[in-house]
Amino acid sequence: MDERERTELVERVNAGDAEALQRLIVHYHAVLRRVAEANVEPALRAHVEPDDVLQQTYISAFKALRSPPASREEPDDPNPKRQRGADEPVANAPGSDPNPKRERGTDEPVANAPGSDPNPTRKRGTDEPVANAPGSDPNPTRERGIDAEPQRERETTTAGPFSNPGHFYKWLEQIALNQLRDVQRALRRQKRDVAREVAAHADTTASYPDLINRLAGGESTPSRAIAKEEAVAAVMSCLARLKDDQREVVRLRFLEDVPVAEIARRMGKTDPAVYTLCHRGLKSLRELMVSITHYLTHL
């Protein structure tokens, strides 16, 4: 795929085209996998499967594509007593306090009232914080109640607009690194027994070819002629486009070989409902695979 094709696909992604997003995902899959592998902590290599991280990355990417940017929707004004688009209160609004600089019924000043100090935890006239000021955050480098790193993750939750293919790739890579960070953080927190963890680790990568063969159903399809890595990338991106319950059933049944009865128990469904989800999920996967493999020889 040359620069012109990538640029055209990025423009289509900006317009909300899921197929264009999928083609770019497949194109960048090998590079993203190497990045994920390189960033796995040495002590956790036996517990982290890069393809599992990328599967969650692609799911997040498609969800972001379906989520409109927050700027497109104007939230309801939580303060109807101020002029819209300004922080100034509406003069003499019904029920308004003639002295907005104090708490109603008290002499306590209102935080951030016009003319008041917007940062009561710093020394007046300076940017130096007051040590141990009441209500001050002992860790000013993070948002109140959350770590700074999740803030960076939230910045990737909306897709586009992207200015060029490099901009798109960095967005996708950041989602992958965020997913990997969360997986490794959870593993460190849990401190599970190493032997038990290794035994329980499911090698889903080895199961992707079996799923691809099932989707082909013995027929002569484009998926038979494509390289293994391309095929894995294709089926992973197709899985990411399924409905959540269909994807979960297909993953458990065909990638982790979990019995139907156990899937039903985990998902709180009946056995017939699980079979129905399997049938619908495989049908949707076949349709998506036929669509994406049509382009693989051009990637």
C-alpha atoms as a PDB file:
ATOM      1  CA  MET A   1       0.000   0.000   0.000  1.00  0.00           C
ATOM      2  CA  ASP A   2       1.546   3.307  -1.039  1.00  0.00           C
ATOM      3  CA  GLU A   3       1.262   6.732   0.614  1.00  0.00           C
ATOM      4  CA  ARG A   4      -1.533   7.868  -1.694  1.00  0.00           C
ATOM      5  CA  GLU A   5      -3.710   4.860  -0.825  1.00  0.00           C
ATOM      6  CA  ARG A   6      -3.060   5.313   2.894  1.00  0.00           C
ATOM      7  CA  THR A   7      -3.962   8.984   2.661  1.00  0.00           C
ATOM      8  CA  GLU A   8      -7.215   8.163   0.878  1.00  0.00           C
ATOM      9  CA  LEU A   9      -8.102   5.590   3.547  1.00  0.00           C
ATOM     10  CA  VAL A  10      -7.339   8.071   6.330  1.00  0.00           C
ATOM     11  CA  GLU A  11      -9.687  10.582   4.698  1.00  0.00           C
ATOM     12  CA  ARG A  12     -12.382   7.891   4.602  1.00  0.00           C
ATOM     13  CA  VAL A  13     -11.758   7.100   8.276  1.00  0.00           C
ATOM     14  CA  ASN A  14     -12.262  10.791   9.038  1.00  0.00           C
ATOM     15  CA  ALA A  15     -15.653  10.426   7.343  1.00  0.00           C
ATOM     16  CA  GLY A  16     -16.528   7.411   9.557  1.00  0.00           C
ATOM     17  CA  ASP A  17     -15.784   4.572   7.095  1.00  0.00           C
ATOM     18  CA  ALA A  18     -15.331   1.338   9.102  1.00  0.00           C
ATOM     19  CA  GLU A  19     -13.979  -0.634   6.138  1.00  0.00           C
ATOM     20  CA  ALA A  20     -11.230   1.961   5.611  1.00  0.00           C
ATOM     21  CA  LEU A  21     -10.314   1.705   9.297  1.00  0.00           C
ATOM     22  CA  GLN A  22     -10.142  -2.077   9.000  1.00  0.00           C
ATOM     23  CA  ARG A  23      -7.860  -1.940   5.954  1.00  0.00           C
ATOM     24  CA  LEU A  24      -5.484   0.402   7.777  1.00  0.00           C
ATOM     25  CA  ILE A  25      -5.526  -1.841  10.854  1.00  0.00           C
ATOM     26  CA  VAL A  26      -4.550  -4.858   8.764  1.00  0.00           C
ATOM     27  CA  HIS A  27      -1.843  -2.825   7.027  1.00  0.00           C
ATOM     28  CA  TYR A  28      -0.270  -1.688  10.318  1.00  0.00           C
ATOM     29  CA  HIS A  29      -0.830  -4.926  12.249  1.00  0.00           C
ATOM     30  CA  ALA A  30       2.688  -6.332  11.829  1.00  0.00           C
ATOM     31  CA  VAL A  31       4.313  -3.067  12.943  1.00  0.00           C
ATOM     32  CA  LEU A  32       1.957  -2.744  15.916  1.00  0.00           C
ATOM     33  CA  ARG A  33       2.692  -6.304  16.964  1.00  0.00           C
ATOM     34  CA  ARG A  34       6.431  -5.619  17.000  1.00  0.00           C
ATOM     35  CA  VAL A  35       5.839  -2.486  19.078  1.00  0.00           C
ATOM     36  CA  ALA A  36       3.695  -4.444  21.552  1.00  0.00           C
ATOM     37  CA  GLU A  37       6.282  -7.239  21.825  1.00  0.00           C
ATOM     38  CA  ALA A  38       9.094  -4.731  22.384  1.00  0.00           C
ATOM     39  CA  ASN A  39       7.201  -3.042  25.224  1.00  0.00           C
ATOM     40  CA  VAL A  40       6.257  -6.167  27.184  1.00  0.00           C
ATOM     41  CA  GLU A  41       8.123  -6.175  30.479  1.00  0.00           C
ATOM     42  CA  PRO A  42      10.659  -9.057  30.619  1.00  0.00           C
ATOM     43  CA  ALA A  43       9.156 -10.447  33.825  1.00  0.00           C
ATOM     44  CA  LEU A  44       5.707 -10.644  32.214  1.00  0.00           C
ATOM     45  CA  ARG A  45       6.565 -12.084  28.793  1.00  0.00           C
ATOM     46  CA  ALA A  46       5.141 -15.488  29.730  1.00  0.00           C
ATOM     47  CA  HIS A  47       1.839 -13.886  30.747  1.00  0.00           C
ATOM     48  CA  VAL A  48       1.181 -11.293  28.017  1.00  0.00           C
ATOM     49  CA  GLU A  49       0.080 -12.268  24.506  1.00  0.00           C
ATOM     50  CA  PRO A  50       0.581  -9.326  22.100  1.00  0.00           C
ATOM     51  CA  ASP A  51      -2.285 -10.466  19.869  1.00  0.00           C
ATOM     52  CA  ASP A  52      -4.680 -10.298  22.818  1.00  0.00           C
ATOM     53  CA  VAL A  53      -3.532  -6.722  23.422  1.00  0.00           C
ATOM     54  CA  LEU A  54      -4.027  -5.853  19.750  1.00  0.00           C
ATOM     55  CA  GLN A  55      -7.463  -7.462  19.688  1.00  0.00           C
ATOM     56  CA  GLN A  56      -8.578  -5.082  22.430  1.00  0.00           C
ATOM     57  CA  THR A  57      -6.855  -2.235  20.590  1.00  0.00           C
ATOM     58  CA  TYR A  58      -8.897  -2.860  17.457  1.00  0.00           C
ATOM     59  CA  ILE A  59     -12.119  -3.133  19.435  1.00  0.00           C
ATOM     60  CA  SER A  60     -11.362   0.251  21.010  1.00  0.00           C
ATOM     61  CA  ALA A  61     -10.547   1.743  17.609  1.00  0.00           C
ATOM     62  CA  PHE A  62     -13.882   0.715  16.090  1.00  0.00           C
ATOM     63  CA  LYS A  63     -15.761   1.951  19.131  1.00  0.00           C
ATOM     64  CA  ALA A  64     -13.949   5.276  18.833  1.00  0.00           C
ATOM     65  CA  LEU A  65     -14.961   5.485  15.178  1.00  0.00           C
ATOM     66  CA  ARG A  66     -18.605   5.118  16.182  1.00  0.00           C
ATOM     67  CA  SER A  67     -18.308   7.716  18.958  1.00  0.00           C
ATOM     68  CA  PRO A  68     -18.857  11.300  17.764  1.00  0.00           C
ATOM     69  CA  PRO A  69     -16.408  13.880  19.119  1.00  0.00           C
ATOM     70  CA  ALA A  70     -17.711  15.586  22.251  1.00  0.00           C
ATOM     71  CA  SER A  71     -17.376  18.952  20.542  1.00  0.00           C
ATOM     72  CA  ARG A  72     -20.238  18.071  18.211  1.00  0.00           C
ATOM     73  CA  GLU A  73     -22.722  18.055  21.065  1.00  0.00           C
ATOM     74  CA  GLU A  74     -23.317  21.064  23.283  1.00  0.00           C
ATOM     75  CA  PRO A  75     -23.973  19.887  26.853  1.00  0.00           C
ATOM     76  CA  ASP A  76     -26.827  21.264  28.885  1.00  0.00           C
ATOM     77  CA  ASP A  77     -25.844  24.373  30.828  1.00  0.00           C
ATOM     78  CA  PRO A  78     -25.570  23.377  34.513  1.00  0.00           C
ATOM     79  CA  ASN A  79     -25.812  27.055  35.505  1.00  0.00           C
ATOM     80  CA  PRO A  80     -28.872  28.696  33.906  1.00  0.00           C
ATOM     81  CA  LYS A  81     -28.225  31.855  35.936  1.00  0.00           C
ATOM     82  CA  ARG A  82     -25.217  32.891  33.823  1.00  0.00           C
ATOM     83  CA  GLN A  83     -25.030  34.242  30.311  1.00  0.00           C
ATOM     84  CA  ARG A  84     -24.524  31.452  27.758  1.00  0.00           C
ATOM     85  CA  GLY A  85     -20.921  31.249  26.619  1.00  0.00           C
ATOM     86  CA  ALA A  86     -19.671  33.387  29.509  1.00  0.00           C
ATOM     87  CA  ASP A  87     -18.814  32.917  33.168  1.00  0.00           C
ATOM     88  CA  GLU A  88     -20.593  36.113  34.231  1.00  0.00           C
ATOM     89  CA  PRO A  89     -23.866  35.563  36.124  1.00  0.00           C
ATOM     90  CA  VAL A  90     -27.060  37.049  34.711  1.00  0.00           C
ATOM     91  CA  ALA A  91     -27.728  40.290  36.551  1.00  0.00           C
ATOM     92  CA  ASN A  92     -30.700  40.146  38.949  1.00  0.00           C
ATOM     93  CA  ALA A  93     -31.663  36.632  37.841  1.00  0.00           C
ATOM     94  CA  PRO A  94     -34.685  35.382  39.823  1.00  0.00           C
ATOM     95  CA  GLY A  95     -33.467  33.880  43.064  1.00  0.00           C
ATOM     96  CA  SER A  96     -29.915  35.091  42.543  1.00  0.00           C
ATOM     97  CA  ASP A  97     -27.817  36.206  45.510  1.00  0.00           C
ATOM     98  CA  PRO A  98     -27.095  39.973  45.532  1.00  0.00           C
ATOM     99  CA  ASN A  99     -23.685  39.060  46.961  1.00  0.00           C
ATOM    100  CA  PRO A 100     -22.376  36.185  44.826  1.00  0.00           C
ATOM    101  CA  LYS A 101     -19.016  36.212  46.588  1.00  0.00           C
ATOM    102  CA  ARG A 102     -20.325  34.506  49.716  1.00  0.00           C
ATOM    103  CA  GLU A 103     -22.052  31.200  50.438  1.00  0.00           C
ATOM    104  CA  ARG A 104     -25.807  31.659  50.731  1.00  0.00           C
ATOM    105  CA  GLY A 105     -26.695  32.313  54.372  1.00  0.00           C
ATOM    106  CA  THR A 106     -23.056  32.503  55.499  1.00  0.00           C
ATOM    107  CA  ASP A 107     -20.070  34.819  55.364  1.00  0.00           C
ATOM    108  CA  GLU A 108     -17.930  32.157  53.665  1.00  0.00           C
ATOM    109  CA  PRO A 109     -16.605  33.224  50.254  1.00  0.00           C
ATOM    110  CA  VAL A 110     -17.665  31.204  47.207  1.00  0.00           C
ATOM    111  CA  ALA A 111     -14.783  29.433  45.476  1.00  0.00           C
ATOM    112  CA  ASN A 112     -13.928  31.023  42.123  1.00  0.00           C
ATOM    113  CA  ALA A 113     -16.450  33.847  42.580  1.00  0.00           C
ATOM    114  CA  PRO A 114     -15.768  36.892  40.361  1.00  0.00           C
ATOM    115  CA  GLY A 115     -12.851  38.746  41.920  1.00  0.00           C
ATOM    116  CA  SER A 116     -11.918  35.905  44.246  1.00  0.00           C
ATOM    117  CA  ASP A 117      -8.662  33.990  44.067  1.00  0.00           C
ATOM    118  CA  PRO A 118      -9.216  31.100  41.597  1.00  0.00           C
ATOM    119  CA  ASN A 119      -6.556  29.077  43.400  1.00  0.00           C
ATOM    120  CA  PRO A 120      -6.920  29.349  47.180  1.00  0.00           C
ATOM    121  CA  THR A 121      -4.218  26.724  47.683  1.00  0.00           C
ATOM    122  CA  ARG A 122      -1.442  29.036  46.479  1.00  0.00           C
ATOM    123  CA  LYS A 123       0.164  32.063  48.090  1.00  0.00           C
ATOM    124  CA  ARG A 124      -1.612  35.232  47.020  1.00  0.00           C
ATOM    125  CA  GLY A 125       0.207  36.958  44.169  1.00  0.00           C
ATOM    126  CA  THR A 126       2.425  33.955  43.405  1.00  0.00           C
ATOM    127  CA  ASP A 127       2.176  30.575  41.716  1.00  0.00           C
ATOM    128  CA  GLU A 128       3.699  28.856  44.737  1.00  0.00           C
ATOM    129  CA  PRO A 129       1.281  26.398  46.377  1.00  0.00           C
ATOM    130  CA  VAL A 130       0.540  26.671  50.073  1.00  0.00           C
ATOM    131  CA  ALA A 131       1.959  23.630  51.829  1.00  0.00           C
ATOM    132  CA  ASN A 132      -0.781  21.299  53.109  1.00  0.00           C
ATOM    133  CA  ALA A 133      -3.512  23.795  52.294  1.00  0.00           C
ATOM    134  CA  PRO A 134      -6.967  22.439  53.204  1.00  0.00           C
ATOM    135  CA  GLY A 135      -8.358  20.567  50.221  1.00  0.00           C
ATOM    136  CA  SER A 136      -5.095  20.753  48.291  1.00  0.00           C
ATOM    137  CA  ASP A 137      -3.957  17.710  46.330  1.00  0.00           C
ATOM    138  CA  PRO A 138      -0.766  16.114  47.720  1.00  0.00           C
ATOM    139  CA  ASN A 139       0.025  15.089  44.141  1.00  0.00           C
ATOM    140  CA  PRO A 140      -0.548  18.164  41.930  1.00  0.00           C
ATOM    141  CA  THR A 141       0.701  16.362  38.809  1.00  0.00           C
ATOM    142  CA  ARG A 142      -2.453  14.266  38.526  1.00  0.00           C
ATOM    143  CA  GLU A 143      -6.160  14.962  38.214  1.00  0.00           C
ATOM    144  CA  ARG A 144      -8.045  14.806  41.488  1.00  0.00           C
ATOM    145  CA  GLY A 145      -8.854  11.185  42.304  1.00  0.00           C
ATOM    146  CA  ILE A 146      -7.202   9.706  39.205  1.00  0.00           C
ATOM    147  CA  ASP A 147      -3.732   9.085  37.838  1.00  0.00           C
ATOM    148  CA  ALA A 148      -2.301  11.178  35.034  1.00  0.00           C
ATOM    149  CA  GLU A 149      -1.801   8.195  32.717  1.00  0.00           C
ATOM    150  CA  PRO A 150      -5.514   7.349  32.341  1.00  0.00           C
ATOM    151  CA  GLN A 151      -6.034  10.988  31.329  1.00  0.00           C
ATOM    152  CA  ARG A 152      -3.747  10.382  28.344  1.00  0.00           C
ATOM    153  CA  GLU A 153      -5.730   7.254  27.518  1.00  0.00           C
ATOM    154  CA  ARG A 154      -8.995   9.157  27.389  1.00  0.00           C
ATOM    155  CA  GLU A 155      -7.467  11.477  24.827  1.00  0.00           C
ATOM    156  CA  THR A 156      -7.402   8.555  22.346  1.00  0.00           C
ATOM    157  CA  THR A 157     -11.064   7.589  22.681  1.00  0.00           C
ATOM    158  CA  THR A 158     -12.295   9.615  19.708  1.00  0.00           C
ATOM    159  CA  ALA A 159     -11.169   8.747  16.175  1.00  0.00           C
ATOM    160  CA  GLY A 160      -9.915  11.652  14.069  1.00  0.00           C
ATOM    161  CA  PRO A 161      -9.867  13.880  12.358  1.00  0.00           C
ATOM    162  CA  PHE A 162      -6.422  12.722  11.248  1.00  0.00           C
ATOM    163  CA  SER A 163      -4.193  15.004   9.208  1.00  0.00           C
ATOM    164  CA  ASN A 164      -2.165  12.224   7.575  1.00  0.00           C
ATOM    165  CA  PRO A 165      -1.355   8.473   7.809  1.00  0.00           C
ATOM    166  CA  GLY A 166       1.400   9.114  10.359  1.00  0.00           C
ATOM    167  CA  HIS A 167      -1.068  10.906  12.619  1.00  0.00           C
ATOM    168  CA  PHE A 168      -3.491   7.966  12.313  1.00  0.00           C
ATOM    169  CA  TYR A 169      -0.776   5.416  13.077  1.00  0.00           C
ATOM    170  CA  LYS A 170       0.387   7.244  16.211  1.00  0.00           C
ATOM    171  CA  TRP A 171      -3.226   7.296  17.460  1.00  0.00           C
ATOM    172  CA  LEU A 172      -3.576   3.535  16.904  1.00  0.00           C
ATOM    173  CA  GLU A 173      -0.180   2.846  18.454  1.00  0.00           C
ATOM    174  CA  GLN A 174      -1.067   4.881  21.543  1.00  0.00           C
ATOM    175  CA  ILE A 175      -4.243   2.843  22.054  1.00  0.00           C
ATOM    176  CA  ALA A 176      -2.133  -0.349  21.862  1.00  0.00           C
ATOM    177  CA  LEU A 177       0.404   0.972  24.370  1.00  0.00           C
ATOM    178  CA  ASN A 178      -2.403   2.038  26.717  1.00  0.00           C
ATOM    179  CA  GLN A 179      -3.957  -1.433  26.504  1.00  0.00           C
ATOM    180  CA  LEU A 180      -0.587  -3.090  27.139  1.00  0.00           C
ATOM    181  CA  ARG A 181       0.085  -0.812  30.109  1.00  0.00           C
ATOM    182  CA  ASP A 182      -3.276  -1.710  31.659  1.00  0.00           C
ATOM    183  CA  VAL A 183      -2.724  -5.456  31.154  1.00  0.00           C
ATOM    184  CA  GLN A 184       0.718  -5.332  32.755  1.00  0.00           C
ATOM    185  CA  ARG A 185      -0.476  -3.133  35.602  1.00  0.00           C
ATOM    186  CA  ALA A 186      -3.260  -5.628  36.358  1.00  0.00           C
ATOM    187  CA  LEU A 187      -0.826  -8.551  36.320  1.00  0.00           C
ATOM    188  CA  ARG A 188       1.544  -6.792  38.709  1.00  0.00           C
ATOM    189  CA  ARG A 189      -1.335  -5.935  41.018  1.00  0.00           C
ATOM    190  CA  GLN A 190      -2.691  -9.452  41.122  1.00  0.00           C
ATOM    191  CA  LYS A 191       0.707 -11.080  41.819  1.00  0.00           C
ATOM    192  CA  ARG A 192      -0.556 -14.451  40.679  1.00  0.00           C
ATOM    193  CA  ASP A 193       1.391 -17.680  41.014  1.00  0.00           C
ATOM    194  CA  VAL A 194       3.662 -17.915  37.951  1.00  0.00           C
ATOM    195  CA  ALA A 195       3.206 -21.626  37.340  1.00  0.00           C
ATOM    196  CA  ARG A 196      -0.581 -21.404  37.584  1.00  0.00           C
ATOM    197  CA  GLU A 197      -0.671 -18.353  35.326  1.00  0.00           C
ATOM    198  CA  VAL A 198       1.424 -20.002  32.617  1.00  0.00           C
ATOM    199  CA  ALA A 199      -0.725 -23.118  32.708  1.00  0.00           C
ATOM    200  CA  ALA A 200      -3.904 -21.073  32.424  1.00  0.00           C
ATOM    201  CA  HIS A 201      -2.604 -18.831  29.630  1.00  0.00           C
ATOM    202  CA  ALA A 202      -4.539 -19.493  26.433  1.00  0.00           C
ATOM    203  CA  ASP A 203      -2.494 -19.370  23.209  1.00  0.00           C
ATOM    204  CA  THR A 204      -5.181 -17.741  21.114  1.00  0.00           C
ATOM    205  CA  THR A 205      -2.720 -16.962  18.317  1.00  0.00           C
ATOM    206  CA  ALA A 206      -2.407 -20.664  17.510  1.00  0.00           C
ATOM    207  CA  SER A 207      -6.207 -20.898  17.270  1.00  0.00           C
ATOM    208  CA  TYR A 208      -6.697 -18.162  14.669  1.00  0.00           C
ATOM    209  CA  PRO A 209      -5.807 -20.429  11.702  1.00  0.00           C
ATOM    210  CA  ASP A 210      -8.409 -22.948  12.896  1.00  0.00           C
ATOM    211  CA  LEU A 211     -11.021 -20.211  13.024  1.00  0.00           C
ATOM    212  CA  ILE A 212     -10.012 -19.035   9.549  1.00  0.00           C
ATOM    213  CA  ASN A 213     -10.410 -22.573   8.195  1.00  0.00           C
ATOM    214  CA  ARG A 214     -13.823 -22.822   9.832  1.00  0.00           C
ATOM    215  CA  LEU A 215     -14.852 -19.555   8.196  1.00  0.00           C
ATOM    216  CA  ALA A 216     -13.645 -20.835   4.811  1.00  0.00           C
ATOM    217  CA  GLY A 217     -15.776 -23.953   5.263  1.00  0.00           C
ATOM    218  CA  GLY A 218     -13.722 -25.962   2.788  1.00  0.00           C
ATOM    219  CA  GLU A 219     -14.477 -23.541  -0.032  1.00  0.00           C
ATOM    220  CA  SER A 220     -11.950 -21.836  -2.249  1.00  0.00           C
ATOM    221  CA  THR A 221     -11.857 -18.330  -0.801  1.00  0.00           C
ATOM    222  CA  PRO A 222      -9.327 -15.495  -0.908  1.00  0.00           C
ATOM    223  CA  SER A 223      -8.393 -16.241   2.727  1.00  0.00           C
ATOM    224  CA  ARG A 224      -6.698 -19.483   1.605  1.00  0.00           C
ATOM    225  CA  ALA A 225      -4.199 -17.619  -0.521  1.00  0.00           C
ATOM    226  CA  ILE A 226      -3.116 -14.930   1.933  1.00  0.00           C
ATOM    227  CA  ALA A 227      -0.182 -15.068   4.314  1.00  0.00           C
ATOM    228  CA  LYS A 228      -0.713 -16.335   7.863  1.00  0.00           C
ATOM    229  CA  GLU A 229       0.078 -12.970   9.479  1.00  0.00           C
ATOM    230  CA  GLU A 230      -2.282 -11.149   7.122  1.00  0.00           C
ATOM    231  CA  ALA A 231      -4.977 -13.732   7.800  1.00  0.00           C
ATOM    232  CA  VAL A 232      -4.613 -13.327  11.575  1.00  0.00           C
ATOM    233  CA  ALA A 233      -4.767  -9.545  11.228  1.00  0.00           C
ATOM    234  CA  ALA A 234      -7.834  -9.850   9.019  1.00  0.00           C
ATOM    235  CA  VAL A 235      -9.772 -12.112  11.376  1.00  0.00           C
ATOM    236  CA  MET A 236      -8.804 -10.008  14.415  1.00  0.00           C
ATOM    237  CA  SER A 237     -10.065  -6.844  12.742  1.00  0.00           C
ATOM    238  CA  CYS A 238     -13.252  -8.643  11.689  1.00  0.00           C
ATOM    239  CA  LEU A 239     -13.818  -9.838  15.253  1.00  0.00           C
ATOM    240  CA  ALA A 240     -13.445  -6.252  16.443  1.00  0.00           C
ATOM    241  CA  ARG A 241     -16.375  -5.244  14.225  1.00  0.00           C
ATOM    242  CA  LEU A 242     -18.788  -7.811  15.689  1.00  0.00           C
ATOM    243  CA  LYS A 243     -21.363  -7.029  18.340  1.00  0.00           C
ATOM    244  CA  ASP A 244     -19.929  -7.516  21.822  1.00  0.00           C
ATOM    245  CA  ASP A 245     -21.901 -10.653  22.707  1.00  0.00           C
ATOM    246  CA  GLN A 246     -21.213 -12.322  19.345  1.00  0.00           C
ATOM    247  CA  ARG A 247     -17.502 -11.580  19.609  1.00  0.00           C
ATOM    248  CA  GLU A 248     -17.338 -12.927  23.159  1.00  0.00           C
ATOM    249  CA  VAL A 249     -19.044 -16.199  22.206  1.00  0.00           C
ATOM    250  CA  VAL A 250     -16.850 -16.709  19.124  1.00  0.00           C
ATOM    251  CA  ARG A 251     -13.713 -15.927  21.130  1.00  0.00           C
ATOM    252  CA  LEU A 252     -14.561 -18.345  23.938  1.00  0.00           C
ATOM    253  CA  ARG A 253     -15.846 -21.140  21.702  1.00  0.00           C
ATOM    254  CA  PHE A 254     -13.382 -21.110  18.818  1.00  0.00           C
ATOM    255  CA  LEU A 255     -10.249 -19.429  20.168  1.00  0.00           C
ATOM    256  CA  GLU A 256     -10.238 -20.747  23.733  1.00  0.00           C
ATOM    257  CA  ASP A 257     -12.243 -23.961  23.125  1.00  0.00           C
ATOM    258  CA  VAL A 258     -14.588 -23.348  26.046  1.00  0.00           C
ATOM    259  CA  PRO A 259     -17.621 -25.729  26.126  1.00  0.00           C
ATOM    260  CA  VAL A 260     -21.000 -24.236  25.279  1.00  0.00           C
ATOM    261  CA  ALA A 261     -22.406 -25.009  28.739  1.00  0.00           C
ATOM    262  CA  GLU A 262     -19.547 -23.118  30.400  1.00  0.00           C
ATOM    263  CA  ILE A 263     -19.981 -20.162  28.026  1.00  0.00           C
ATOM    264  CA  ALA A 264     -23.674 -20.066  28.876  1.00  0.00           C
ATOM    265  CA  ARG A 265     -22.853 -20.082  32.581  1.00  0.00           C
ATOM    266  CA  ARG A 266     -20.301 -17.272  32.269  1.00  0.00           C
ATOM    267  CA  MET A 267     -22.560 -15.081  30.151  1.00  0.00           C
ATOM    268  CA  GLY A 268     -25.780 -15.839  32.013  1.00  0.00           C
ATOM    269  CA  LYS A 269     -27.466 -17.275  28.908  1.00  0.00           C
ATOM    270  CA  THR A 270     -29.084 -20.557  27.889  1.00  0.00           C
ATOM    271  CA  ASP A 271     -27.291 -23.101  25.720  1.00  0.00           C
ATOM    272  CA  PRO A 272     -29.618 -22.424  22.732  1.00  0.00           C
ATOM    273  CA  ALA A 273     -28.898 -18.683  23.050  1.00  0.00           C
ATOM    274  CA  VAL A 274     -25.150 -19.376  22.900  1.00  0.00           C
ATOM    275  CA  TYR A 275     -25.597 -21.555  19.794  1.00  0.00           C
ATOM    276  CA  THR A 276     -27.591 -18.760  18.160  1.00  0.00           C
ATOM    277  CA  LEU A 277     -24.885 -16.221  18.942  1.00  0.00           C
ATOM    278  CA  CYS A 278     -22.241 -18.599  17.543  1.00  0.00           C
ATOM    279  CA  HIS A 279     -24.197 -19.008  14.304  1.00  0.00           C
ATOM    280  CA  ARG A 280     -24.773 -15.293  13.867  1.00  0.00           C
ATOM    281  CA  GLY A 281     -21.215 -14.414  14.825  1.00  0.00           C
ATOM    282  CA  LEU A 282     -19.691 -16.849  12.328  1.00  0.00           C
ATOM    283  CA  LYS A 283     -22.059 -15.653   9.601  1.00  0.00           C
ATOM    284  CA  SER A 284     -21.044 -12.043  10.188  1.00  0.00           C
ATOM    285  CA  LEU A 285     -17.364 -13.001  10.310  1.00  0.00           C
ATOM    286  CA  ARG A 286     -17.585 -14.798   6.966  1.00  0.00           C
ATOM    287  CA  GLU A 287     -19.149 -11.755   5.341  1.00  0.00           C
ATOM    288  CA  LEU A 288     -16.518  -9.425   6.788  1.00  0.00           C
ATOM    289  CA  MET A 289     -13.650 -11.745   5.827  1.00  0.00           C
ATOM    290  CA  VAL A 290     -14.810 -11.947   2.214  1.00  0.00           C
ATOM    291  CA  SER A 291     -14.875  -8.154   2.133  1.00  0.00           C
ATOM    292  CA  ILE A 292     -11.445  -7.542   3.670  1.00  0.00           C
ATOM    293  CA  THR A 293      -9.561 -10.350   1.896  1.00  0.00           C
ATOM    294  CA  HIS A 294     -10.584  -8.805  -1.423  1.00  0.00           C
ATOM    295  CA  TYR A 295      -8.053  -6.055  -0.657  1.00  0.00           C
ATOM    296  CA  LEU A 296      -5.256  -8.021   0.994  1.00  0.00           C
ATOM    297  CA  THR A 297      -3.261  -8.580  -2.181  1.00  0.00           C
ATOM    298  CA  HIS A 298      -3.076  -4.787  -2.497  1.00  0.00           C
ATOM    299  CA  LEU A 299      -1.852  -4.099   1.049  1.00  0.00           C
END
